[in-house]
Each structure stands twice: as C-alpha cells, then as structure tokens.
Protein backbone atom coordinates (compact mmCIF):
# COMPACT_ATOMS: atom_id res chain seq x y z
CA MET A 1 0.24 2.29 19.17
CA SER A 2 0.63 -1.35 20.01
CA ALA A 3 -0.13 -4.84 18.18
CA ARG A 4 -3.73 -6.47 18.68
CA LEU A 5 -1.78 -9.80 18.78
CA ASP A 6 2.05 -10.72 19.40
CA THR A 7 2.45 -12.86 16.29
CA PHE A 8 5.32 -14.34 17.15
CA GLY A 9 5.08 -14.93 20.71
CA ASN A 10 1.88 -16.39 20.20
CA ALA A 11 2.09 -20.62 19.81
CA THR A 12 -0.25 -20.60 15.92
CA ALA A 13 0.49 -17.78 14.88
CA GLY A 14 4.44 -17.65 15.40
CA ARG A 15 4.80 -21.15 14.21
CA PHE A 16 3.08 -20.25 10.46
CA LEU A 17 5.48 -16.89 10.24
CA LYS A 18 8.48 -19.61 10.96
CA HIS A 19 7.10 -21.23 7.88
CA LEU A 20 6.37 -17.97 6.06
CA VAL A 21 9.57 -16.79 7.43
CA SER A 22 11.21 -20.12 5.72
CA ALA A 23 9.67 -19.67 2.77
CA ASN A 24 11.72 -16.09 2.67
CA HIS A 25 15.08 -17.80 2.63
CA GLY A 26 14.21 -20.21 -0.25
CA LEU A 27 13.35 -17.15 -2.67
CA ALA A 28 16.26 -15.23 -1.19
CA GLY A 29 18.05 -17.99 -3.59
CA SER A 30 16.87 -17.15 -6.66
CA THR A 31 18.10 -15.69 -9.99
CA LEU A 32 15.26 -13.25 -9.29
CA PRO A 33 17.11 -10.21 -8.44
CA PRO A 34 17.14 -8.57 -5.39
CA ALA A 35 16.18 -5.68 -5.89
CA THR A 36 13.22 -6.94 -7.76
CA GLN A 37 12.29 -7.86 -4.90
CA GLU A 38 12.57 -5.90 -2.76
CA LEU A 39 10.64 -3.01 -5.61
CA VAL A 40 8.47 -6.20 -5.62
CA LYS A 41 7.48 -6.80 -1.88
CA ILE A 42 7.44 -2.29 -1.07
CA ARG A 43 4.48 -1.84 -3.79
CA ALA A 44 2.34 -4.95 -2.56
CA SER A 45 3.38 -3.54 1.08
CA GLN A 46 1.70 -0.65 -0.33
CA ILE A 47 -1.03 -1.46 -1.80
CA ASN A 48 -2.09 -3.08 1.01
CA GLY A 49 -1.74 -0.52 3.55
CA CYS A 50 0.91 -2.79 5.91
CA GLY A 51 3.55 0.52 6.90
CA PHE A 52 5.24 -2.93 8.96
CA CYS A 53 6.60 -4.04 5.23
CA ILE A 54 7.02 -0.78 4.16
CA ASP A 55 9.34 0.00 6.71
CA MET A 56 11.19 -3.35 6.82
CA HIS A 57 11.74 -3.69 2.98
CA THR A 58 12.64 0.17 1.97
CA LYS A 59 15.38 0.24 4.94
CA ASP A 60 17.07 -3.36 4.07
CA ALA A 61 16.36 -1.92 0.24
CA GLU A 62 18.04 1.28 1.30
CA ALA A 63 20.74 -1.17 3.14
CA ALA A 64 21.60 -2.70 -0.33
CA GLY A 65 22.36 0.46 -2.51
CA GLU A 66 18.94 1.17 -3.11
CA THR A 67 18.62 5.20 -4.11
CA SER A 68 16.09 7.03 -2.49
CA VAL A 69 14.62 8.29 -5.61
CA ARG A 70 13.35 4.83 -6.75
CA LEU A 71 12.58 3.83 -3.72
CA HIS A 72 10.35 7.43 -3.22
CA LEU A 73 8.85 6.46 -6.08
CA VAL A 74 7.39 2.84 -6.49
CA ALA A 75 4.32 4.34 -5.63
CA GLY A 76 4.38 5.70 -9.15
CA TRP A 77 6.74 3.55 -10.82
CA ARG A 78 4.26 4.45 -14.38
CA GLU A 79 5.18 7.84 -14.29
CA ALA A 80 8.49 7.28 -13.41
CA THR A 81 11.76 6.96 -15.58
CA VAL A 82 14.02 4.90 -13.42
CA PHE A 83 12.64 1.92 -13.14
CA THR A 84 13.86 -1.33 -16.29
CA ASP A 85 11.20 -2.82 -17.72
CA ALA A 86 12.14 -5.33 -16.13
CA GLU A 87 10.57 -3.88 -13.16
CA ARG A 88 7.88 -2.30 -14.77
CA ALA A 89 6.81 -5.52 -15.99
CA ALA A 90 7.61 -6.94 -12.07
CA LEU A 91 5.46 -3.98 -10.80
CA GLU A 92 2.71 -4.71 -12.97
CA LEU A 93 2.21 -8.31 -11.99
CA THR A 94 2.45 -7.53 -8.57
CA GLU A 95 0.25 -5.04 -8.65
CA GLN A 96 -2.38 -7.60 -10.86
CA GLY A 97 -1.50 -10.45 -8.39
CA THR A 98 -2.55 -8.63 -5.35
CA ARG A 99 -5.57 -6.93 -6.13
CA ILE A 100 -7.25 -10.23 -7.22
CA ALA A 101 -9.79 -9.05 -5.88
CA ASP A 102 -10.28 -6.00 -7.34
CA ALA A 103 -9.60 -7.61 -11.69
CA ALA A 104 -12.39 -9.83 -12.78
CA GLY A 105 -10.12 -12.42 -14.92
CA GLY A 106 -7.28 -11.67 -12.22
CA VAL A 107 -3.96 -10.83 -13.86
CA THR A 108 -4.34 -10.94 -17.49
CA ASP A 109 -2.48 -12.99 -20.40
CA GLU A 110 -1.21 -9.27 -21.42
CA ALA A 111 0.58 -8.62 -17.93
CA TRP A 112 1.97 -12.24 -17.67
CA ALA A 113 3.69 -12.16 -21.58
CA ASN A 114 5.34 -9.22 -20.44
CA ALA A 115 6.60 -10.88 -17.44
CA ALA A 116 7.85 -13.58 -19.36
CA ALA A 117 9.33 -11.78 -22.37
CA HIS A 118 11.52 -10.34 -19.18
CA TYR A 119 12.25 -13.03 -16.69
CA ASP A 120 12.55 -16.82 -17.38
CA GLU A 121 10.91 -19.74 -15.67
CA GLU A 122 13.03 -19.74 -12.85
CA GLN A 123 12.50 -16.33 -12.20
CA LEU A 124 8.77 -16.24 -12.97
CA GLY A 125 8.27 -19.20 -9.81
CA ALA A 126 9.82 -17.09 -7.61
CA LEU A 127 8.06 -14.18 -8.95
CA VAL A 128 4.44 -15.78 -8.11
CA SER A 129 5.67 -17.01 -5.47
CA LEU A 130 7.05 -13.47 -3.30
CA ILE A 131 3.93 -11.42 -4.85
CA ALA A 132 2.08 -14.45 -2.77
CA LEU A 133 4.17 -14.30 0.11
CA ILE A 134 4.59 -11.05 0.83
CA ASN A 135 1.06 -10.44 0.51
CA ALA A 136 0.63 -13.38 3.37
CA PHE A 137 2.92 -11.50 5.48
CA ASN A 138 1.25 -8.47 5.10
CA ARG A 139 -2.56 -9.66 5.64
CA MET A 140 -0.37 -10.67 8.90
CA ASN A 141 0.65 -7.46 9.95
CA VAL A 142 -2.13 -5.20 8.65
CA ILE A 143 -5.10 -7.76 10.79
CA ALA A 144 -2.43 -8.06 13.56
CA GLN A 145 -1.72 -3.69 13.46
CA GLN A 146 1.87 -4.53 13.57
CA PRO A 147 3.36 -1.20 14.21
CA ALA A 148 5.51 0.44 12.11
CA GLY A 149 9.89 2.56 12.32
CA THR A 150 11.55 0.92 14.36
CA TYR A 151 12.53 -1.55 11.78
CA ARG A 152 16.66 -1.78 11.93
CA PRO A 153 17.70 -3.75 8.21
CA GLY A 154 18.55 -7.19 8.62
CA GLN A 155 17.03 -7.73 11.58
CA PHE A 156 15.75 -10.67 10.70
CA GLY A 157 18.13 -12.42 9.15
C-alpha cells in the first residue's frame, strides 16, 4: 500500500502539517497527563479508522511505559477496569467530540460535566484542543491513505 499523496512533500499540505505538528508540540507542555493524551489520540484514531495514527500513538505510549493491557483495552474502555475515572471521562469526551455528526447536539452536558469534574480549565482547554487536533491528523491520513506499521517511537520528534 502506498499513500495517495505525499503530504509532507506537497507544498501546501506540508505547510499545513507543520502547523498541526507545531500545535501538537504546544499541547505536549500542558498539564493534561501524557498518558491521557495518548489514550485520547488512540481512541479518536480508532473511531476514525486511522491506522497510521493508531500505529504511532500505541507505539509512543508503549515507549513511554504504557502497559499492553491498557493499550489493548482502549476500544473497550467502558467495560475495562484499568482506566481511572478521569481517563474514562476524557475517553467519553473524545468519543462524543469525534462523533459529532453521529449525535444530535454534539457533546452532551453530562459528558462535559464529567470531564470538568476531573480536569481544571487549563486541562479542559488542552483536552478539547487535543481532540480537535487528532481528528485533523486522522482525516488527513485517512484521505491520503497513509500506510501504517512502520512508525518508530519518537520518529517525528
């Protein structure tokens, strides 16, 4: 399989991706826990069917010390006992924020209140921004059919 478009080699897409990568670097310095950030990226990528991002974020999470049990259970987080209440709230917000078109009214007040009970304003800002950002990355990769499986942890710095 090969990508439909070399997004990094394309002048316009490459400039756009540089801004997305820069936005990701800005979020990395937030107080939102790094493990939560990776779980959010993985879950949104699973929903969007972005193999490239699933490959990247599971490998980065594993390299950062995440357990295989938790990584394997992200898709079934509702039934899994290995996630904290805060992580569960972030995963629910991720699902609703990723599936906006599937729900009349978007993110529910209940999901927002649950996230707000676990995260402060700065962390909520990071969480919302991260959900939007990973969805943008997913869409670029899915549209361009970016192949998955060869990512090395830390490959993009």
